[in-house]
Amino acid sequence: MTTEAAPPPGSSGAPPATPAAEEFVRVQQSAEFSELRRAHRSFAFPLTVAFIAWYLLYVLLSNYAGGFMGTKLFGNINVALVLGLGQFATTFLIAWLYSRHAAAQLDPKASAIKARMEAGE
């Protein structure tokens, strides 16, 4: 599929030069890239482990603590329903926290690395 639209303002219409494989390896071995990876891992890994533990606790309670999970809190709302809805809330909370972390910590570092690569430094 082709289009006859003009290229965006400020671009020559030609695709940007692709960095060589050696440049990618050099950047990957740089301290700046290591810091980017560390910032990602220090946030993502602990939250992943915590969420998996929370999920497994919910599953184990559902299988082996039926009496506890069936405890009515108010009306027809029981512990199982509250914890199950908590799974959804936790998922959205983690996604929101990661989005904030990425915007504040990861994106600026990644953009700086990308800009240096594109400039050929």
PDB file of N, CA and C in Angstrom:
ATOM      1  N   MET A   1       0.841  -1.153   0.000  1.00  0.00           N
ATOM      2  CA  MET A   1       0.000   0.000   0.000  1.00  0.00           C
ATOM      3  C   MET A   1       0.903   1.237   0.000  1.00  0.00           C
ATOM      4  N   THR A   2       0.618   2.170  -0.839  1.00  0.00           N
ATOM      5  CA  THR A   2       1.401   3.403  -0.907  1.00  0.00           C
ATOM      6  C   THR A   2       0.491   4.587  -0.657  1.00  0.00           C
ATOM      7  N   THR A   3       1.128   5.687  -0.346  1.00  0.00           N
ATOM      8  CA  THR A   3       0.372   6.911  -0.114  1.00  0.00           C
ATOM      9  C   THR A   3       1.077   8.047  -0.844  1.00  0.00           C
ATOM     10  N   GLU A   4       0.324   9.035  -1.177  1.00  0.00           N
ATOM     11  CA  GLU A   4       0.906  10.183  -1.859  1.00  0.00           C
ATOM     12  C   GLU A   4       1.030  11.371  -0.914  1.00  0.00           C
ATOM     13  N   ALA A   5       0.932  11.096   0.374  1.00  0.00           N
ATOM     14  CA  ALA A   5       1.060  12.164   1.359  1.00  0.00           C
ATOM     15  C   ALA A   5       2.499  12.655   1.413  1.00  0.00           C
ATOM     16  N   ALA A   6       2.639  13.935   1.673  1.00  0.00           N
ATOM     17  CA  ALA A   6       3.978  14.517   1.778  1.00  0.00           C
ATOM     18  C   ALA A   6       4.647  14.035   3.060  1.00  0.00           C
ATOM     19  N   PRO A   7       5.985  13.959   3.062  1.00  0.00           N
ATOM     20  CA  PRO A   7       6.669  13.568   4.288  1.00  0.00           C
ATOM     21  C   PRO A   7       6.456  14.622   5.376  1.00  0.00           C
ATOM     22  N   PRO A   8       6.615  14.248   6.620  1.00  0.00           N
ATOM     23  CA  PRO A   8       6.412  15.215   7.698  1.00  0.00           C
ATOM     24  C   PRO A   8       7.368  16.390   7.574  1.00  0.00           C
ATOM     25  N   PRO A   9       6.964  17.553   8.077  1.00  0.00           N
ATOM     26  CA  PRO A   9       7.830  18.719   7.997  1.00  0.00           C
ATOM     27  C   PRO A   9       9.164  18.453   8.697  1.00  0.00           C
ATOM     28  N   GLY A  10      10.234  18.931   8.091  1.00  0.00           N
ATOM     29  CA  GLY A  10      11.552  18.776   8.681  1.00  0.00           C
ATOM     30  C   GLY A  10      12.235  17.479   8.308  1.00  0.00           C
ATOM     31  N   SER A  11      11.570  16.618   7.541  1.00  0.00           N
ATOM     32  CA  SER A  11      12.233  15.378   7.137  1.00  0.00           C
ATOM     33  C   SER A  11      12.496  15.425   5.645  1.00  0.00           C
ATOM     34  N   SER A  12      13.532  14.742   5.258  1.00  0.00           N
ATOM     35  CA  SER A  12      13.903  14.738   3.848  1.00  0.00           C
ATOM     36  C   SER A  12      13.122  13.699   3.068  1.00  0.00           C
ATOM     37  N   GLY A  13      12.387  12.853   3.788  1.00  0.00           N
ATOM     38  CA  GLY A  13      11.637  11.800   3.115  1.00  0.00           C
ATOM     39  C   GLY A  13      12.434  10.514   3.046  1.00  0.00           C
ATOM     40  N   ALA A  14      13.751  10.590   3.234  1.00  0.00           N
ATOM     41  CA  ALA A  14      14.591   9.397   3.223  1.00  0.00           C
ATOM     42  C   ALA A  14      14.590   8.772   4.611  1.00  0.00           C
ATOM     43  N   PRO A  15      14.615   7.443   4.688  1.00  0.00           N
ATOM     44  CA  PRO A  15      14.652   6.819   6.004  1.00  0.00           C
ATOM     45  C   PRO A  15      15.976   7.123   6.701  1.00  0.00           C
ATOM     46  N   PRO A  16      15.974   7.215   8.038  1.00  0.00           N
ATOM     47  CA  PRO A  16      17.214   7.499   8.756  1.00  0.00           C
ATOM     48  C   PRO A  16      18.209   6.352   8.591  1.00  0.00           C
ATOM     49  N   ALA A  17      19.483   6.680   8.693  1.00  0.00           N
ATOM     50  CA  ALA A  17      20.520   5.670   8.565  1.00  0.00           C
ATOM     51  C   ALA A  17      20.410   4.688   9.731  1.00  0.00           C
ATOM     52  N   THR A  18      20.582   3.415   9.431  1.00  0.00           N
ATOM     53  CA  THR A  18      20.524   2.389  10.454  1.00  0.00           C
ATOM     54  C   THR A  18      21.900   2.199  11.063  1.00  0.00           C
ATOM     55  N   PRO A  19      22.001   2.243  12.383  1.00  0.00           N
ATOM     56  CA  PRO A  19      23.303   2.028  13.005  1.00  0.00           C
ATOM     57  C   PRO A  19      23.815   0.614  12.736  1.00  0.00           C
ATOM     58  N   ALA A  20      25.118   0.482  12.694  1.00  0.00           N
ATOM     59  CA  ALA A  20      25.735  -0.821  12.461  1.00  0.00           C
ATOM     60  C   ALA A  20      25.612  -1.680  13.715  1.00  0.00           C
ATOM     61  N   ALA A  21      25.755  -2.983  13.542  1.00  0.00           N
ATOM     62  CA  ALA A  21      25.646  -3.916  14.664  1.00  0.00           C
ATOM     63  C   ALA A  21      26.667  -3.598  15.748  1.00  0.00           C
ATOM     64  N   GLU A  22      27.844  -3.152  15.354  1.00  0.00           N
ATOM     65  CA  GLU A  22      28.887  -2.835  16.334  1.00  0.00           C
ATOM     66  C   GLU A  22      28.447  -1.685  17.249  1.00  0.00           C
ATOM     67  N   GLU A  23      27.686  -0.751  16.689  1.00  0.00           N
ATOM     68  CA  GLU A  23      27.201   0.375  17.494  1.00  0.00           C
ATOM     69  C   GLU A  23      26.195  -0.105  18.543  1.00  0.00           C
ATOM     70  N   PHE A  24      25.350  -1.049  18.160  1.00  0.00           N
ATOM     71  CA  PHE A  24      24.393  -1.599  19.117  1.00  0.00           C
ATOM     72  C   PHE A  24      25.119  -2.322  20.247  1.00  0.00           C
ATOM     73  N   VAL A  25      26.139  -3.089  19.901  1.00  0.00           N
ATOM     74  CA  VAL A  25      26.906  -3.806  20.910  1.00  0.00           C
ATOM     75  C   VAL A  25      27.608  -2.810  21.842  1.00  0.00           C
ATOM     76  N   ARG A  26      28.185  -1.762  21.284  1.00  0.00           N
ATOM     77  CA  ARG A  26      28.878  -0.751  22.085  1.00  0.00           C
ATOM     78  C   ARG A  26      27.908  -0.081  23.059  1.00  0.00           C
ATOM     79  N   VAL A  27      26.729   0.266  22.578  1.00  0.00           N
ATOM     80  CA  VAL A  27      25.733   0.906  23.439  1.00  0.00           C
ATOM     81  C   VAL A  27      25.252  -0.077  24.506  1.00  0.00           C
ATOM     82  N   GLN A  28      25.047  -1.318  24.114  1.00  0.00           N
ATOM     83  CA  GLN A  28      24.568  -2.324  25.060  1.00  0.00           C
ATOM     84  C   GLN A  28      25.572  -2.536  26.198  1.00  0.00           C
ATOM     85  N   GLN A  29      26.837  -2.360  25.931  1.00  0.00           N
ATOM     86  CA  GLN A  29      27.871  -2.551  26.940  1.00  0.00           C
ATOM     87  C   GLN A  29      28.189  -1.272  27.718  1.00  0.00           C
ATOM     88  N   SER A  30      27.529  -0.187  27.399  1.00  0.00           N
ATOM     89  CA  SER A  30      27.807   1.091  28.060  1.00  0.00           C
ATOM     90  C   SER A  30      27.201   1.141  29.464  1.00  0.00           C
ATOM     91  N   ALA A  31      27.767   1.994  30.294  1.00  0.00           N
ATOM     92  CA  ALA A  31      27.259   2.180  31.659  1.00  0.00           C
ATOM     93  C   ALA A  31      25.857   2.780  31.638  1.00  0.00           C
ATOM     94  N   GLU A  32      25.593   3.642  30.675  1.00  0.00           N
ATOM     95  CA  GLU A  32      24.285   4.285  30.568  1.00  0.00           C
ATOM     96  C   GLU A  32      23.183   3.257  30.289  1.00  0.00           C
ATOM     97  N   PHE A  33      23.473   2.312  29.404  1.00  0.00           N
ATOM     98  CA  PHE A  33      22.493   1.269  29.089  1.00  0.00           C
ATOM     99  C   PHE A  33      22.311   0.340  30.290  1.00  0.00           C
ATOM    100  N   SER A  34      23.399   0.053  30.993  1.00  0.00           N
ATOM    101  CA  SER A  34      23.307  -0.778  32.197  1.00  0.00           C
ATOM    102  C   SER A  34      22.431  -0.110  33.245  1.00  0.00           C
ATOM    103  N   GLU A  35      22.540   1.205  33.372  1.00  0.00           N
ATOM    104  CA  GLU A  35      21.708   1.937  34.322  1.00  0.00           C
ATOM    105  C   GLU A  35      20.233   1.875  33.901  1.00  0.00           C
ATOM    106  N   LEU A  36      19.966   1.955  32.623  1.00  0.00           N
ATOM    107  CA  LEU A  36      18.591   1.841  32.119  1.00  0.00           C
ATOM    108  C   LEU A  36      18.022   0.468  32.464  1.00  0.00           C
ATOM    109  N   ARG A  37      18.793  -0.575  32.222  1.00  0.00           N
ATOM    110  CA  ARG A  37      18.342  -1.929  32.545  1.00  0.00           C
ATOM    111  C   ARG A  37      18.132  -2.095  34.044  1.00  0.00           C
ATOM    112  N   ARG A  38      19.030  -1.546  34.844  1.00  0.00           N
ATOM    113  CA  ARG A  38      18.920  -1.636  36.297  1.00  0.00           C
ATOM    114  C   ARG A  38      17.648  -0.918  36.777  1.00  0.00           C
ATOM    115  N   ALA A  39      17.368   0.245  36.211  1.00  0.00           N
ATOM    116  CA  ALA A  39      16.168   0.998  36.595  1.00  0.00           C
ATOM    117  C   ALA A  39      14.905   0.214  36.256  1.00  0.00           C
ATOM    118  N   HIS A  40      14.916  -0.468  35.118  1.00  0.00           N
ATOM    119  CA  HIS A  40      13.760  -1.276  34.727  1.00  0.00           C
ATOM    120  C   HIS A  40      13.616  -2.485  35.642  1.00  0.00           C
ATOM    121  N   ARG A  41      14.700  -3.212  35.818  1.00  0.00           N
ATOM    122  CA  ARG A  41      14.645  -4.436  36.620  1.00  0.00           C
ATOM    123  C   ARG A  41      14.318  -4.163  38.082  1.00  0.00           C
ATOM    124  N   SER A  42      14.857  -3.091  38.644  1.00  0.00           N
ATOM    125  CA  SER A  42      14.621  -2.819  40.056  1.00  0.00           C
ATOM    126  C   SER A  42      13.156  -2.482  40.329  1.00  0.00           C
ATOM    127  N   PHE A  43      12.431  -2.095  39.303  1.00  0.00           N
ATOM    128  CA  PHE A  43      11.006  -1.827  39.458  1.00  0.00           C
ATOM    129  C   PHE A  43      10.175  -3.046  39.055  1.00  0.00           C
ATOM    130  N   ALA A  44      10.466  -3.613  37.900  1.00  0.00           N
ATOM    131  CA  ALA A  44       9.615  -4.665  37.339  1.00  0.00           C
ATOM    132  C   ALA A  44       9.709  -5.984  38.093  1.00  0.00           C
ATOM    133  N   PHE A  45      10.902  -6.404  38.459  1.00  0.00           N
ATOM    134  CA  PHE A  45      11.043  -7.713  39.093  1.00  0.00           C
ATOM    135  C   PHE A  45      10.359  -7.795  40.458  1.00  0.00           C
ATOM    136  N   PRO A  46      10.582  -6.852  41.369  1.00  0.00           N
ATOM    137  CA  PRO A  46       9.896  -6.961  42.664  1.00  0.00           C
ATOM    138  C   PRO A  46       8.372  -6.921  42.540  1.00  0.00           C
ATOM    139  N   LEU A  47       7.857  -6.068  41.670  1.00  0.00           N
ATOM    140  CA  LEU A  47       6.402  -6.013  41.518  1.00  0.00           C
ATOM    141  C   LEU A  47       5.858  -7.289  40.887  1.00  0.00           C
ATOM    142  N   THR A  48       6.611  -7.869  39.966  1.00  0.00           N
ATOM    143  CA  THR A  48       6.179  -9.122  39.354  1.00  0.00           C
ATOM    144  C   THR A  48       6.124 -10.234  40.391  1.00  0.00           C
ATOM    145  N   VAL A  49       7.164 -10.344  41.203  1.00  0.00           N
ATOM    146  CA  VAL A  49       7.195 -11.371  42.248  1.00  0.00           C
ATOM    147  C   VAL A  49       6.056 -11.140  43.244  1.00  0.00           C
ATOM    148  N   ALA A  50       5.863  -9.902  43.657  1.00  0.00           N
ATOM    149  CA  ALA A  50       4.785  -9.597  44.610  1.00  0.00           C
ATOM    150  C   ALA A  50       3.417  -9.936  44.028  1.00  0.00           C
ATOM    151  N   PHE A  51       3.200  -9.615  42.755  1.00  0.00           N
ATOM    152  CA  PHE A  51       1.897  -9.892  42.170  1.00  0.00           C
ATOM    153  C   PHE A  51       1.671 -11.390  42.013  1.00  0.00           C
ATOM    154  N   ILE A  52       2.695 -12.127  41.606  1.00  0.00           N
ATOM    155  CA  ILE A  52       2.543 -13.578  41.467  1.00  0.00           C
ATOM    156  C   ILE A  52       2.259 -14.207  42.827  1.00  0.00           C
ATOM    157  N   ALA A  53       2.953 -13.754  43.871  1.00  0.00           N
ATOM    158  CA  ALA A  53       2.697 -14.273  45.217  1.00  0.00           C
ATOM    159  C   ALA A  53       1.262 -13.972  45.648  1.00  0.00           C
ATOM    160  N   TRP A  54       0.808 -12.765  45.381  1.00  0.00           N
ATOM    161  CA  TRP A  54      -0.564 -12.355  45.722  1.00  0.00           C
ATOM    162  C   TRP A  54      -1.574 -13.207  44.961  1.00  0.00           C
ATOM    163  N   TYR A  55      -1.308 -13.452  43.680  1.00  0.00           N
ATOM    164  CA  TYR A  55      -2.213 -14.268  42.872  1.00  0.00           C
ATOM    165  C   TYR A  55      -2.242 -15.711  43.379  1.00  0.00           C
ATOM    166  N   LEU A  56      -1.062 -16.271  43.659  1.00  0.00           N
ATOM    167  CA  LEU A  56      -1.008 -17.650  44.148  1.00  0.00           C
ATOM    168  C   LEU A  56      -1.686 -17.776  45.511  1.00  0.00           C
ATOM    169  N   LEU A  57      -1.555 -16.768  46.367  1.00  0.00           N
ATOM    170  CA  LEU A  57      -2.246 -16.785  47.648  1.00  0.00           C
ATOM    171  C   LEU A  57      -3.752 -16.861  47.418  1.00  0.00           C
ATOM    172  N   TYR A  58      -4.240 -16.076  46.481  1.00  0.00           N
ATOM    173  CA  TYR A  58      -5.672 -16.084  46.166  1.00  0.00           C
ATOM    174  C   TYR A  58      -6.110 -17.464  45.671  1.00  0.00           C
ATOM    175  N   VAL A  59      -5.334 -18.065  44.780  1.00  0.00           N
ATOM    176  CA  VAL A  59      -5.675 -19.386  44.247  1.00  0.00           C
ATOM    177  C   VAL A  59      -5.636 -20.433  45.357  1.00  0.00           C
ATOM    178  N   LEU A  60      -4.585 -20.397  46.186  1.00  0.00           N
ATOM    179  CA  LEU A  60      -4.479 -21.373  47.271  1.00  0.00           C
ATOM    180  C   LEU A  60      -5.611 -21.214  48.281  1.00  0.00           C
ATOM    181  N   LEU A  61      -5.934 -19.987  48.621  1.00  0.00           N
ATOM    182  CA  LEU A  61      -7.057 -19.771  49.524  1.00  0.00           C
ATOM    183  C   LEU A  61      -8.360 -20.277  48.911  1.00  0.00           C
ATOM    184  N   SER A  62      -8.524 -20.059  47.616  1.00  0.00           N
ATOM    185  CA  SER A  62      -9.741 -20.523  46.943  1.00  0.00           C
ATOM    186  C   SER A  62      -9.852 -22.046  46.976  1.00  0.00           C
ATOM    187  N   ASN A  63      -8.719 -22.729  46.861  1.00  0.00           N
ATOM    188  CA  ASN A  63      -8.730 -24.192  46.838  1.00  0.00           C
ATOM    189  C   ASN A  63      -8.786 -24.821  48.219  1.00  0.00           C
ATOM    190  N   TYR A  64      -8.079 -24.245  49.169  1.00  0.00           N
ATOM    191  CA  TYR A  64      -7.907 -24.922  50.449  1.00  0.00           C
ATOM    192  C   TYR A  64      -8.544 -24.220  51.647  1.00  0.00           C
ATOM    193  N   ALA A  65      -9.071 -23.038  51.474  1.00  0.00           N
ATOM    194  CA  ALA A  65      -9.697 -22.324  52.580  1.00  0.00           C
ATOM    195  C   ALA A  65     -11.090 -21.850  52.178  1.00  0.00           C
ATOM    196  N   GLY A  66     -11.888 -22.811  51.740  1.00  0.00           N
ATOM    197  CA  GLY A  66     -13.235 -22.489  51.267  1.00  0.00           C
ATOM    198  C   GLY A  66     -14.094 -21.822  52.323  1.00  0.00           C
ATOM    199  N   GLY A  67     -13.945 -22.265  53.556  1.00  0.00           N
ATOM    200  CA  GLY A  67     -14.728 -21.658  54.641  1.00  0.00           C
ATOM    201  C   GLY A  67     -14.377 -20.196  54.827  1.00  0.00           C
ATOM    202  N   PHE A  68     -13.088 -19.892  54.806  1.00  0.00           N
ATOM    203  CA  PHE A  68     -12.654 -18.497  54.951  1.00  0.00           C
ATOM    204  C   PHE A  68     -13.104 -17.659  53.761  1.00  0.00           C
ATOM    205  N   MET A  69     -12.918 -18.192  52.566  1.00  0.00           N
ATOM    206  CA  MET A  69     -13.280 -17.435  51.366  1.00  0.00           C
ATOM    207  C   MET A  69     -14.784 -17.227  51.267  1.00  0.00           C
ATOM    208  N   GLY A  70     -15.557 -18.128  51.856  1.00  0.00           N
ATOM    209  CA  GLY A  70     -17.008 -18.004  51.818  1.00  0.00           C
ATOM    210  C   GLY A  70     -17.575 -17.119  52.912  1.00  0.00           C
ATOM    211  N   THR A  71     -16.716 -16.593  53.767  1.00  0.00           N
ATOM    212  CA  THR A  71     -17.181 -15.735  54.854  1.00  0.00           C
ATOM    213  C   THR A  71     -17.842 -14.490  54.290  1.00  0.00           C
ATOM    214  N   LYS A  72     -19.105 -14.285  54.693  1.00  0.00           N
ATOM    215  CA  LYS A  72     -19.827 -13.107  54.194  1.00  0.00           C
ATOM    216  C   LYS A  72     -19.356 -11.871  54.944  1.00  0.00           C
ATOM    217  N   LEU A  73     -19.063 -10.836  54.186  1.00  0.00           N
ATOM    218  CA  LEU A  73     -18.642  -9.574  54.776  1.00  0.00           C
ATOM    219  C   LEU A  73     -19.838  -8.661  54.996  1.00  0.00           C
ATOM    220  N   PHE A  74     -20.682  -8.541  53.976  1.00  0.00           N
ATOM    221  CA  PHE A  74     -21.938  -7.792  54.077  1.00  0.00           C
ATOM    222  C   PHE A  74     -22.795  -8.196  52.892  1.00  0.00           C
ATOM    223  N   GLY A  75     -24.067  -8.403  53.150  1.00  0.00           N
ATOM    224  CA  GLY A  75     -24.989  -8.844  52.096  1.00  0.00           C
ATOM    225  C   GLY A  75     -24.505 -10.147  51.483  1.00  0.00           C
ATOM    226  N   ASN A  76     -24.461 -10.176  50.153  1.00  0.00           N
ATOM    227  CA  ASN A  76     -23.961 -11.348  49.447  1.00  0.00           C
ATOM    228  C   ASN A  76     -22.486 -11.216  49.072  1.00  0.00           C
ATOM    229  N   ILE A  77     -21.806 -10.268  49.637  1.00  0.00           N
ATOM    230  CA  ILE A  77     -20.392 -10.035  49.342  1.00  0.00           C
ATOM    231  C   ILE A  77     -19.546 -10.851  50.318  1.00  0.00           C
ATOM    232  N   ASN A  78     -18.716 -11.740  49.769  1.00  0.00           N
ATOM    233  CA  ASN A  78     -17.862 -12.548  50.631  1.00  0.00           C
ATOM    234  C   ASN A  78     -16.380 -12.224  50.389  1.00  0.00           C
ATOM    235  N   VAL A  79     -15.523 -12.857  51.176  1.00  0.00           N
ATOM    236  CA  VAL A  79     -14.083 -12.610  51.104  1.00  0.00           C
ATOM    237  C   VAL A  79     -13.555 -12.946  49.713  1.00  0.00           C
ATOM    238  N   ALA A  80     -14.016 -14.034  49.123  1.00  0.00           N
ATOM    239  CA  ALA A  80     -13.536 -14.447  47.799  1.00  0.00           C
ATOM    240  C   ALA A  80     -13.811 -13.374  46.747  1.00  0.00           C
ATOM    241  N   LEU A  81     -14.979 -12.795  46.785  1.00  0.00           N
ATOM    242  CA  LEU A  81     -15.330 -11.756  45.812  1.00  0.00           C
ATOM    243  C   LEU A  81     -14.453 -10.521  46.006  1.00  0.00           C
ATOM    244  N   VAL A  82     -14.252 -10.117  47.234  1.00  0.00           N
ATOM    245  CA  VAL A  82     -13.429  -8.935  47.509  1.00  0.00           C
ATOM    246  C   VAL A  82     -11.988  -9.172  47.060  1.00  0.00           C
ATOM    247  N   LEU A  83     -11.436 -10.348  47.398  1.00  0.00           N
ATOM    248  CA  LEU A  83     -10.061 -10.644  46.978  1.00  0.00           C
ATOM    249  C   LEU A  83      -9.953 -10.797  45.453  1.00  0.00           C
ATOM    250  N   GLY A  84     -10.980 -11.374  44.839  1.00  0.00           N
ATOM    251  CA  GLY A  84     -10.977 -11.507  43.375  1.00  0.00           C
ATOM    252  C   GLY A  84     -11.002 -10.151  42.690  1.00  0.00           C
ATOM    253  N   LEU A  85     -11.833  -9.250  43.175  1.00  0.00           N
ATOM    254  CA  LEU A  85     -11.860  -7.893  42.617  1.00  0.00           C
ATOM    255  C   LEU A  85     -10.555  -7.164  42.925  1.00  0.00           C
ATOM    256  N   GLY A  86      -9.957  -7.513  44.061  1.00  0.00           N
ATOM    257  CA  GLY A  86      -8.650  -6.950  44.399  1.00  0.00           C
ATOM    258  C   GLY A  86      -7.579  -7.330  43.395  1.00  0.00           C
ATOM    259  N   GLN A  87      -7.722  -8.488  42.782  1.00  0.00           N
ATOM    260  CA  GLN A  87      -6.783  -8.896  41.728  1.00  0.00           C
ATOM    261  C   GLN A  87      -6.846  -7.920  40.550  1.00  0.00           C
ATOM    262  N   PHE A  88      -8.043  -7.557  40.161  1.00  0.00           N
ATOM    263  CA  PHE A  88      -8.195  -6.594  39.064  1.00  0.00           C
ATOM    264  C   PHE A  88      -7.641  -5.227  39.457  1.00  0.00           C
ATOM    265  N   ALA A  89      -7.977  -4.793  40.659  1.00  0.00           N
ATOM    266  CA  ALA A  89      -7.498  -3.493  41.120  1.00  0.00           C
ATOM    267  C   ALA A  89      -5.968  -3.471  41.176  1.00  0.00           C
ATOM    268  N   THR A  90      -5.373  -4.554  41.651  1.00  0.00           N
ATOM    269  CA  THR A  90      -3.917  -4.637  41.729  1.00  0.00           C
ATOM    270  C   THR A  90      -3.293  -4.584  40.342  1.00  0.00           C
ATOM    271  N   THR A  91      -3.903  -5.265  39.396  1.00  0.00           N
ATOM    272  CA  THR A  91      -3.386  -5.257  38.026  1.00  0.00           C
ATOM    273  C   THR A  91      -3.359  -3.841  37.466  1.00  0.00           C
ATOM    274  N   PHE A  92      -4.444  -3.113  37.621  1.00  0.00           N
ATOM    275  CA  PHE A  92      -4.496  -1.744  37.109  1.00  0.00           C
ATOM    276  C   PHE A  92      -3.559  -0.823  37.882  1.00  0.00           C
ATOM    277  N   LEU A  93      -3.434  -1.034  39.172  1.00  0.00           N
ATOM    278  CA  LEU A  93      -2.512  -0.234  39.979  1.00  0.00           C
ATOM    279  C   LEU A  93      -1.068  -0.436  39.516  1.00  0.00           C
ATOM    280  N   ILE A  94      -0.684  -1.672  39.291  1.00  0.00           N
ATOM    281  CA  ILE A  94       0.681  -1.951  38.834  1.00  0.00           C
ATOM    282  C   ILE A  94       0.919  -1.344  37.455  1.00  0.00           C
ATOM    283  N   ALA A  95      -0.052  -1.450  36.561  1.00  0.00           N
ATOM    284  CA  ALA A  95       0.100  -0.853  35.227  1.00  0.00           C
ATOM    285  C   ALA A  95       0.262   0.659  35.329  1.00  0.00           C
ATOM    286  N   TRP A  96      -0.507   1.283  36.188  1.00  0.00           N
ATOM    287  CA  TRP A  96      -0.417   2.733  36.369  1.00  0.00           C
ATOM    288  C   TRP A  96       0.935   3.116  36.967  1.00  0.00           C
ATOM    289  N   LEU A  97       1.369   2.382  37.987  1.00  0.00           N
ATOM    290  CA  LEU A  97       2.666   2.665  38.609  1.00  0.00           C
ATOM    291  C   LEU A  97       3.808   2.488  37.603  1.00  0.00           C
ATOM    292  N   TYR A  98       3.729   1.429  36.794  1.00  0.00           N
ATOM    293  CA  TYR A  98       4.773   1.206  35.803  1.00  0.00           C
ATOM    294  C   TYR A  98       4.777   2.324  34.761  1.00  0.00           C
ATOM    295  N   SER A  99       3.604   2.763  34.359  1.00  0.00           N
ATOM    296  CA  SER A  99       3.515   3.853  33.389  1.00  0.00           C
ATOM    297  C   SER A  99       4.184   5.111  33.924  1.00  0.00           C
ATOM    298  N   ARG A 100       3.929   5.422  35.185  1.00  0.00           N
ATOM    299  CA  ARG A 100       4.566   6.588  35.812  1.00  0.00           C
ATOM    300  C   ARG A 100       6.078   6.392  35.918  1.00  0.00           C
ATOM    301  N   HIS A 101       6.490   5.213  36.329  1.00  0.00           N
ATOM    302  CA  HIS A 101       7.924   4.921  36.461  1.00  0.00           C
ATOM    303  C   HIS A 101       8.627   5.021  35.109  1.00  0.00           C
ATOM    304  N   ALA A 102       7.998   4.451  34.081  1.00  0.00           N
ATOM    305  CA  ALA A 102       8.601   4.487  32.747  1.00  0.00           C
ATOM    306  C   ALA A 102       8.717   5.924  32.244  1.00  0.00           C
ATOM    307  N   ALA A 103       7.685   6.709  32.439  1.00  0.00           N
ATOM    308  CA  ALA A 103       7.720   8.096  31.965  1.00  0.00           C
ATOM    309  C   ALA A 103       8.765   8.923  32.701  1.00  0.00           C
ATOM    310  N   ALA A 104       8.933   8.675  33.988  1.00  0.00           N
ATOM    311  CA  ALA A 104       9.850   9.486  34.783  1.00  0.00           C
ATOM    312  C   ALA A 104      11.288   8.981  34.745  1.00  0.00           C
ATOM    313  N   GLN A 105      11.471   7.662  34.704  1.00  0.00           N
ATOM    314  CA  GLN A 105      12.814   7.101  34.846  1.00  0.00           C
ATOM    315  C   GLN A 105      13.359   6.465  33.571  1.00  0.00           C
ATOM    316  N   LEU A 106      12.544   5.687  32.881  1.00  0.00           N
ATOM    317  CA  LEU A 106      13.045   4.901  31.755  1.00  0.00           C
ATOM    318  C   LEU A 106      13.060   5.672  30.439  1.00  0.00           C
ATOM    319  N   ASP A 107      11.973   6.351  30.137  1.00  0.00           N
ATOM    320  CA  ASP A 107      11.875   7.039  28.846  1.00  0.00           C
ATOM    321  C   ASP A 107      12.958   8.095  28.638  1.00  0.00           C
ATOM    322  N   PRO A 108      13.262   8.938  29.626  1.00  0.00           N
ATOM    323  CA  PRO A 108      14.329   9.923  29.399  1.00  0.00           C
ATOM    324  C   PRO A 108      15.688   9.272  29.125  1.00  0.00           C
ATOM    325  N   LYS A 109      15.995   8.198  29.853  1.00  0.00           N
ATOM    326  CA  LYS A 109      17.271   7.503  29.633  1.00  0.00           C
ATOM    327  C   LYS A 109      17.299   6.843  28.262  1.00  0.00           C
ATOM    328  N   ALA A 110      16.207   6.210  27.889  1.00  0.00           N
ATOM    329  CA  ALA A 110      16.135   5.553  26.585  1.00  0.00           C
ATOM    330  C   ALA A 110      16.209   6.575  25.451  1.00  0.00           C
ATOM    331  N   SER A 111      15.552   7.711  25.625  1.00  0.00           N
ATOM    332  CA  SER A 111      15.593   8.756  24.598  1.00  0.00           C
ATOM    333  C   SER A 111      16.997   9.317  24.435  1.00  0.00           C
ATOM    334  N   ALA A 112      17.710   9.470  25.549  1.00  0.00           N
ATOM    335  CA  ALA A 112      19.087   9.971  25.466  1.00  0.00           C
ATOM    336  C   ALA A 112      19.980   8.982  24.731  1.00  0.00           C
ATOM    337  N   ILE A 113      19.824   7.705  25.018  1.00  0.00           N
ATOM    338  CA  ILE A 113      20.607   6.677  24.325  1.00  0.00           C
ATOM    339  C   ILE A 113      20.268   6.681  22.838  1.00  0.00           C
ATOM    340  N   LYS A 114      18.989   6.750  22.525  1.00  0.00           N
ATOM    341  CA  LYS A 114      18.555   6.756  21.123  1.00  0.00           C
ATOM    342  C   LYS A 114      19.101   7.973  20.385  1.00  0.00           C
ATOM    343  N   ALA A 115      19.036   9.139  21.025  1.00  0.00           N
ATOM    344  CA  ALA A 115      19.524  10.368  20.381  1.00  0.00           C
ATOM    345  C   ALA A 115      21.018  10.276  20.089  1.00  0.00           C
ATOM    346  N   ARG A 116      21.788   9.723  21.036  1.00  0.00           N
ATOM    347  CA  ARG A 116      23.225   9.572  20.803  1.00  0.00           C
ATOM    348  C   ARG A 116      23.506   8.585  19.680  1.00  0.00           C
ATOM    349  N   MET A 117      22.735   7.532  19.619  1.00  0.00           N
ATOM    350  CA  MET A 117      22.932   6.550  18.536  1.00  0.00           C
ATOM    351  C   MET A 117      22.614   7.174  17.181  1.00  0.00           C
ATOM    352  N   GLU A 118      21.531   7.930  17.130  1.00  0.00           N
ATOM    353  CA  GLU A 118      21.133   8.535  15.872  1.00  0.00           C
ATOM    354  C   GLU A 118      22.132   9.623  15.442  1.00  0.00           C
ATOM    355  N   ALA A 119      22.759  10.262  16.425  1.00  0.00           N
ATOM    356  CA  ALA A 119      23.752  11.300  16.112  1.00  0.00           C
ATOM    357  C   ALA A 119      25.108  10.690  15.745  1.00  0.00           C
ATOM    358  N   GLY A 120      25.226   9.361  15.987  1.00  0.00           N
ATOM    359  CA  GLY A 120      26.474   8.699  15.620  1.00  0.00           C
ATOM    360  C   GLY A 120      27.569   8.862  16.653  1.00  0.00           C
ATOM    361  N   GLU A 121      27.213   9.127  17.891  1.00  0.00           N
ATOM    362  CA  GLU A 121      28.219   9.318  18.944  1.00  0.00           C
ATOM    363  C   GLU A 121      28.611   8.007  19.547  1.00  0.00           C
TER     364      GLU A 121
END
